[in-house]
Amino acid sequence: MTAESTESDNAYTPRLTEAARQYLTRVFPNGEASELAATDPEFVERFANFACDEVVNGGAPEGEEPLDDRTRFIAILATLLGCQGVDQFRVMLGAALDMGVTPSEAKEIVYQAVAYLGIGRVLPFFNVTNEVLTQHGVTLPLTTQATTEPDFASRVAAGEQAQVDIFGEGMKGFATSGNPEYPQINRWLAANCFGDYYTRGALDLREREMITYCYLAAQGGVEPQLTAHAKANMRIGNSKAFLLKVASAVMPFIGYPRTLNAIRCIETAAADQ
């Protein structure tokens, strides 16, 4: 008998805290998140107790309420897009739909990600989202959420207004500003990034800025943009304390280095308010 086969005979049952057990039962009533329990029970024990108890119940600054379920799962879905966690996204999307995230909200999280991650990284998430929604009995395509017309003038005007609403009056005329060597970038940012996505329904501007913060924090290496969007979040009502709660909530999905970078960007943005 080999060492491997001897070790495999050792039964080990994860010792979950009562809070972790209750949370897992509520979020995954059919046991979807427990596949690793058979092969990696010790890991499941430590990860579940941390992510499903300590993070869920202790991730808010003193005196602050934890994130509500819907907000937590919106942030998690956006974060998994940002870090390319498509397998975990599949699991968490099913849970999100049961925890108050609507099919339209889930779709909007995927759509807006294209502006920050590119279709090359987001296409697999379209496929997974469509599969999960269909499994949940959702008929596709969903009701349209577009509020702009396809023409450039409509999109750039609406997009620039969204930029003003988020970043302030200094964004007026943004589409026609910028470096003359690549003037198309500012036009595209106004018409496409903001005009095509931020103006859509299902999610409001505060929610859209939060998910943008999550995309950027999760992909890493974009700290200037992350700081700018942390500041924009605060400007439209997502407080420093709220963003710290979001950073804590998604930490198990992106790890400590990117979380600490995100917190540093929050601190920098707050100091510049």
Protein backbone atom coordinates (compact mmCIF):
# COMPACT_ATOMS: atom_id res chain seq x y z
CA MET A 1 0.00 0.00 0.00
CA THR A 2 1.42 3.36 -1.00
CA ALA A 3 1.72 6.38 1.24
CA GLU A 4 -0.86 8.15 -0.90
CA SER A 5 -3.43 5.40 -0.49
CA THR A 6 -2.75 5.18 3.26
CA GLU A 7 -3.32 8.89 3.65
CA SER A 8 -6.52 8.76 1.62
CA ASP A 9 -7.98 6.36 4.18
CA ASN A 10 -7.79 9.04 6.86
CA ALA A 11 -11.26 10.52 7.23
CA TYR A 12 -11.38 14.14 8.31
CA THR A 13 -14.51 16.18 8.82
CA PRO A 14 -14.12 19.96 8.56
CA ARG A 15 -14.76 21.61 11.93
CA LEU A 16 -16.88 24.57 10.94
CA THR A 17 -17.96 27.29 13.30
CA GLU A 18 -21.69 27.51 13.82
CA ALA A 19 -21.76 30.90 12.07
CA ALA A 20 -19.90 29.52 9.04
CA ARG A 21 -22.17 26.49 8.90
CA GLN A 22 -25.31 28.64 9.03
CA TYR A 23 -23.99 31.00 6.36
CA LEU A 24 -23.07 28.16 4.00
CA THR A 25 -26.46 26.53 4.52
CA ARG A 26 -28.22 29.81 3.75
CA VAL A 27 -26.13 30.69 0.69
CA PHE A 28 -25.68 27.16 -0.69
CA PRO A 29 -28.72 25.17 0.48
CA ASN A 30 -27.94 22.40 -1.99
CA GLY A 31 -24.30 22.09 -0.96
CA GLU A 32 -22.86 23.59 -4.16
CA ALA A 33 -19.82 25.02 -2.40
CA SER A 34 -18.76 21.81 -0.61
CA GLU A 35 -17.11 19.79 -3.41
CA LEU A 36 -13.62 20.30 -1.94
CA ALA A 37 -14.76 18.94 1.42
CA ALA A 38 -14.15 15.37 0.22
CA THR A 39 -10.64 15.94 -1.16
CA ASP A 40 -9.34 18.90 0.85
CA PRO A 41 -11.26 18.93 4.13
CA GLU A 42 -8.58 20.74 6.14
CA PHE A 43 -8.44 23.56 3.62
CA VAL A 44 -12.23 23.81 3.55
CA GLU A 45 -12.27 24.02 7.34
CA ARG A 46 -9.92 27.01 7.49
CA PHE A 47 -11.19 28.80 4.38
CA ALA A 48 -14.89 28.42 5.22
CA ASN A 49 -14.43 29.53 8.82
CA PHE A 50 -12.51 32.56 7.60
CA ALA A 51 -14.53 33.56 4.52
CA CYS A 52 -17.99 32.60 5.79
CA ASP A 53 -17.68 33.67 9.41
CA GLU A 54 -14.80 36.03 10.16
CA VAL A 55 -15.05 38.02 6.91
CA VAL A 56 -18.85 38.07 6.77
CA ASN A 57 -19.30 38.98 10.41
CA GLY A 58 -16.15 40.98 11.12
CA GLY A 59 -15.40 42.83 7.89
CA ALA A 60 -16.92 46.18 8.86
CA PRO A 61 -15.12 49.02 10.68
CA GLU A 62 -16.16 49.47 14.31
CA GLY A 63 -19.64 50.94 14.55
CA GLU A 64 -20.50 50.06 10.92
CA GLU A 65 -23.08 47.49 9.86
CA PRO A 66 -21.85 44.62 7.64
CA LEU A 67 -22.70 44.74 3.96
CA ASP A 68 -26.17 43.49 3.10
CA ASP A 69 -26.34 40.24 1.13
CA ARG A 70 -27.24 41.82 -2.22
CA THR A 71 -24.43 44.39 -2.10
CA ARG A 72 -21.92 41.77 -0.95
CA PHE A 73 -22.74 39.48 -3.86
CA ILE A 74 -22.74 42.28 -6.43
CA ALA A 75 -19.24 43.16 -5.23
CA ILE A 76 -18.14 39.51 -5.29
CA LEU A 77 -19.37 38.96 -8.84
CA ALA A 78 -17.57 42.08 -10.09
CA THR A 79 -14.43 41.04 -8.24
CA LEU A 80 -14.45 37.57 -9.77
CA LEU A 81 -14.68 39.15 -13.21
CA GLY A 82 -11.73 41.35 -12.36
CA CYS A 83 -9.53 38.47 -11.19
CA GLN A 84 -10.76 36.07 -13.91
CA GLY A 85 -12.24 33.62 -11.40
CA VAL A 86 -14.72 32.13 -13.85
CA ASP A 87 -15.18 28.79 -12.05
CA GLN A 88 -15.90 30.51 -8.75
CA PHE A 89 -18.10 33.01 -10.60
CA ARG A 90 -20.32 30.15 -11.72
CA VAL A 91 -20.79 29.01 -8.13
CA MET A 92 -21.31 32.49 -6.72
CA LEU A 93 -23.71 33.63 -9.44
CA GLY A 94 -26.13 30.87 -8.53
CA ALA A 95 -25.91 31.95 -4.90
CA ALA A 96 -26.22 35.64 -5.83
CA LEU A 97 -29.51 35.01 -7.61
CA ASP A 98 -30.81 33.42 -4.42
CA MET A 99 -29.49 36.29 -2.28
CA GLY A 100 -31.32 39.14 -3.99
CA VAL A 101 -29.28 39.91 -7.13
CA THR A 102 -31.62 40.01 -10.13
CA PRO A 103 -30.81 38.51 -13.54
CA SER A 104 -30.67 42.02 -15.02
CA GLU A 105 -28.23 43.18 -12.34
CA ALA A 106 -26.02 40.15 -12.95
CA LYS A 107 -25.99 40.83 -16.68
CA GLU A 108 -25.12 44.49 -16.16
CA ILE A 109 -22.12 43.51 -14.02
CA VAL A 110 -20.88 41.39 -16.93
CA TYR A 111 -21.64 44.01 -19.59
CA GLN A 112 -19.87 46.87 -17.80
CA ALA A 113 -16.81 44.71 -17.19
CA VAL A 114 -16.03 44.80 -20.91
CA ALA A 115 -15.08 48.48 -20.65
CA TYR A 116 -12.53 47.71 -17.91
CA LEU A 117 -11.33 44.21 -18.79
CA GLY A 118 -11.96 43.83 -22.53
CA ILE A 119 -14.10 41.26 -24.30
CA GLY A 120 -11.18 38.82 -24.45
CA ARG A 121 -11.38 38.36 -20.69
CA VAL A 122 -15.13 38.77 -20.27
CA LEU A 123 -16.51 36.47 -22.98
CA PRO A 124 -16.22 33.31 -20.83
CA PHE A 125 -18.34 35.06 -18.19
CA PHE A 126 -21.09 35.73 -20.75
CA ASN A 127 -21.22 32.01 -21.45
CA VAL A 128 -21.32 31.06 -17.76
CA THR A 129 -23.91 33.73 -16.95
CA ASN A 130 -26.21 32.56 -19.74
CA GLU A 131 -25.87 28.94 -18.60
CA VAL A 132 -26.63 29.74 -14.95
CA LEU A 133 -29.55 32.04 -15.77
CA THR A 134 -31.06 29.41 -18.05
CA GLN A 135 -30.66 26.79 -15.32
CA HIS A 136 -32.59 29.14 -13.02
CA GLY A 137 -35.45 29.32 -15.50
CA VAL A 138 -34.65 32.77 -16.84
CA THR A 139 -35.67 33.43 -20.45
CA LEU A 140 -33.02 35.13 -22.57
CA PRO A 141 -32.53 37.75 -23.84
CA LEU A 142 -33.61 39.90 -20.91
CA THR A 143 -35.63 43.10 -21.20
CA THR A 144 -33.49 45.90 -22.66
CA GLN A 145 -31.80 48.29 -20.23
CA ALA A 146 -30.39 50.71 -22.82
CA THR A 147 -31.31 54.39 -22.44
CA THR A 148 -29.26 55.80 -25.33
CA GLU A 149 -29.57 55.47 -29.08
CA PRO A 150 -26.78 53.83 -31.10
CA ASP A 151 -25.69 57.10 -32.72
CA PHE A 152 -22.53 58.76 -31.45
CA ALA A 153 -24.15 62.09 -30.50
CA SER A 154 -26.68 60.44 -28.18
CA ARG A 155 -24.08 58.24 -26.53
CA VAL A 156 -21.44 60.92 -26.03
CA ALA A 157 -23.91 63.44 -24.59
CA ALA A 158 -25.34 60.94 -22.13
CA GLY A 159 -21.92 59.54 -21.29
CA GLU A 160 -20.40 62.94 -20.64
CA GLN A 161 -23.33 63.79 -18.36
CA ALA A 162 -22.68 60.59 -16.43
CA GLN A 163 -19.02 61.60 -16.11
CA VAL A 164 -20.09 65.01 -14.77
CA ASP A 165 -22.48 63.38 -12.30
CA ILE A 166 -19.73 61.06 -11.04
CA PHE A 167 -16.54 63.12 -11.24
CA GLY A 168 -17.81 66.71 -11.21
CA GLU A 169 -18.23 69.73 -13.45
CA GLY A 170 -14.64 69.52 -14.62
CA MET A 171 -15.68 66.67 -16.93
CA LYS A 172 -17.72 68.99 -19.17
CA GLY A 173 -16.21 68.94 -22.64
CA PHE A 174 -14.19 65.81 -21.84
CA ALA A 175 -15.02 64.11 -25.13
CA THR A 176 -13.36 66.87 -27.13
CA SER A 177 -10.36 67.28 -24.84
CA GLY A 178 -7.21 65.24 -24.49
CA ASN A 179 -3.98 64.66 -26.35
CA PRO A 180 -4.31 65.57 -30.06
CA GLU A 181 -2.19 62.51 -30.93
CA TYR A 182 -4.97 60.18 -29.74
CA PRO A 183 -8.16 62.28 -29.47
CA GLN A 184 -10.33 59.22 -30.04
CA ILE A 185 -9.64 57.86 -26.52
CA ASN A 186 -11.58 60.56 -24.68
CA ARG A 187 -14.37 60.36 -27.25
CA TRP A 188 -14.57 56.59 -26.73
CA LEU A 189 -14.48 56.92 -22.95
CA ALA A 190 -17.43 59.31 -23.05
CA ALA A 191 -19.50 57.51 -25.69
CA ASN A 192 -18.61 53.89 -25.02
CA CYS A 193 -17.45 53.39 -21.43
CA PHE A 194 -19.92 55.83 -19.90
CA GLY A 195 -22.51 56.35 -22.66
CA ASP A 196 -22.99 52.69 -23.50
CA TYR A 197 -22.75 51.21 -19.99
CA TYR A 198 -23.16 53.69 -17.12
CA THR A 199 -26.40 55.01 -18.60
CA ARG A 200 -28.10 51.61 -18.64
CA GLY A 201 -30.81 50.56 -16.21
CA ALA A 202 -30.85 47.91 -13.43
CA LEU A 203 -27.90 49.45 -11.53
CA ASP A 204 -27.60 53.08 -10.44
CA LEU A 205 -24.45 55.21 -10.63
CA ARG A 206 -23.36 54.42 -7.06
CA GLU A 207 -23.61 50.69 -7.76
CA ARG A 208 -21.82 51.06 -11.08
CA GLU A 209 -18.97 52.94 -9.46
CA MET A 210 -18.72 50.27 -6.77
CA ILE A 211 -18.41 47.47 -9.33
CA THR A 212 -15.84 49.49 -11.28
CA TYR A 213 -13.84 49.77 -8.06
CA CYS A 214 -14.09 45.97 -7.71
CA TYR A 215 -12.97 45.28 -11.30
CA LEU A 216 -9.93 47.50 -10.83
CA ALA A 217 -8.99 46.25 -7.37
CA ALA A 218 -9.23 42.64 -8.49
CA GLN A 219 -7.16 42.91 -11.66
CA GLY A 220 -4.32 44.82 -9.99
CA GLY A 221 -1.68 47.01 -11.59
CA VAL A 222 -4.10 49.86 -12.24
CA GLU A 223 -3.71 51.81 -9.00
CA PRO A 224 -3.98 55.31 -10.61
CA GLN A 225 -7.39 54.40 -12.03
CA LEU A 226 -8.37 52.64 -8.79
CA THR A 227 -7.55 55.75 -6.76
CA ALA A 228 -9.54 57.94 -9.15
CA HIS A 229 -12.56 55.66 -8.92
CA ALA A 230 -12.26 55.35 -5.14
CA LYS A 231 -12.46 59.14 -5.04
CA ALA A 232 -15.42 59.11 -7.45
CA ASN A 233 -17.17 56.54 -5.26
CA MET A 234 -16.84 58.81 -2.26
CA ARG A 235 -18.00 61.81 -4.25
CA ILE A 236 -21.31 60.18 -5.15
CA GLY A 237 -22.05 58.71 -1.74
CA ASN A 238 -20.06 55.48 -1.32
CA SER A 239 -18.17 56.47 1.80
CA LYS A 240 -14.65 55.49 2.82
CA ALA A 241 -16.14 53.13 5.42
CA PHE A 242 -18.33 51.54 2.75
CA LEU A 243 -15.38 50.98 0.40
CA LEU A 244 -13.36 49.46 3.23
CA LYS A 245 -16.22 47.04 3.84
CA VAL A 246 -16.26 46.13 0.17
CA ALA A 247 -12.48 45.59 0.18
CA SER A 248 -12.80 43.31 3.20
CA ALA A 249 -15.72 41.39 1.71
CA VAL A 250 -13.85 40.49 -1.47
CA MET A 251 -10.46 39.79 0.11
CA PRO A 252 -10.89 35.98 0.15
CA PHE A 253 -11.34 36.09 -3.63
CA ILE A 254 -8.30 38.25 -4.52
CA GLY A 255 -5.87 37.76 -1.62
CA TYR A 256 -4.02 40.15 0.62
CA PRO A 257 -1.66 42.00 -1.77
CA ARG A 258 -4.41 43.34 -4.04
CA THR A 259 -6.65 44.05 -1.06
CA LEU A 260 -3.91 46.04 0.67
CA ASN A 261 -3.26 47.95 -2.56
CA ALA A 262 -6.98 48.73 -2.79
CA ILE A 263 -7.06 49.96 0.81
CA ARG A 264 -4.05 52.19 0.14
CA CYS A 265 -5.90 53.69 -2.84
CA ILE A 266 -8.94 54.30 -0.64
CA GLU A 267 -6.75 56.09 1.93
CA THR A 268 -5.13 58.20 -0.79
CA ALA A 269 -8.51 59.12 -2.28
CA ALA A 270 -9.97 59.98 1.13
CA ALA A 271 -7.03 62.26 1.93
CA ASP A 272 -7.65 64.13 -1.34
CA GLN A 273 -11.34 64.75 -0.68
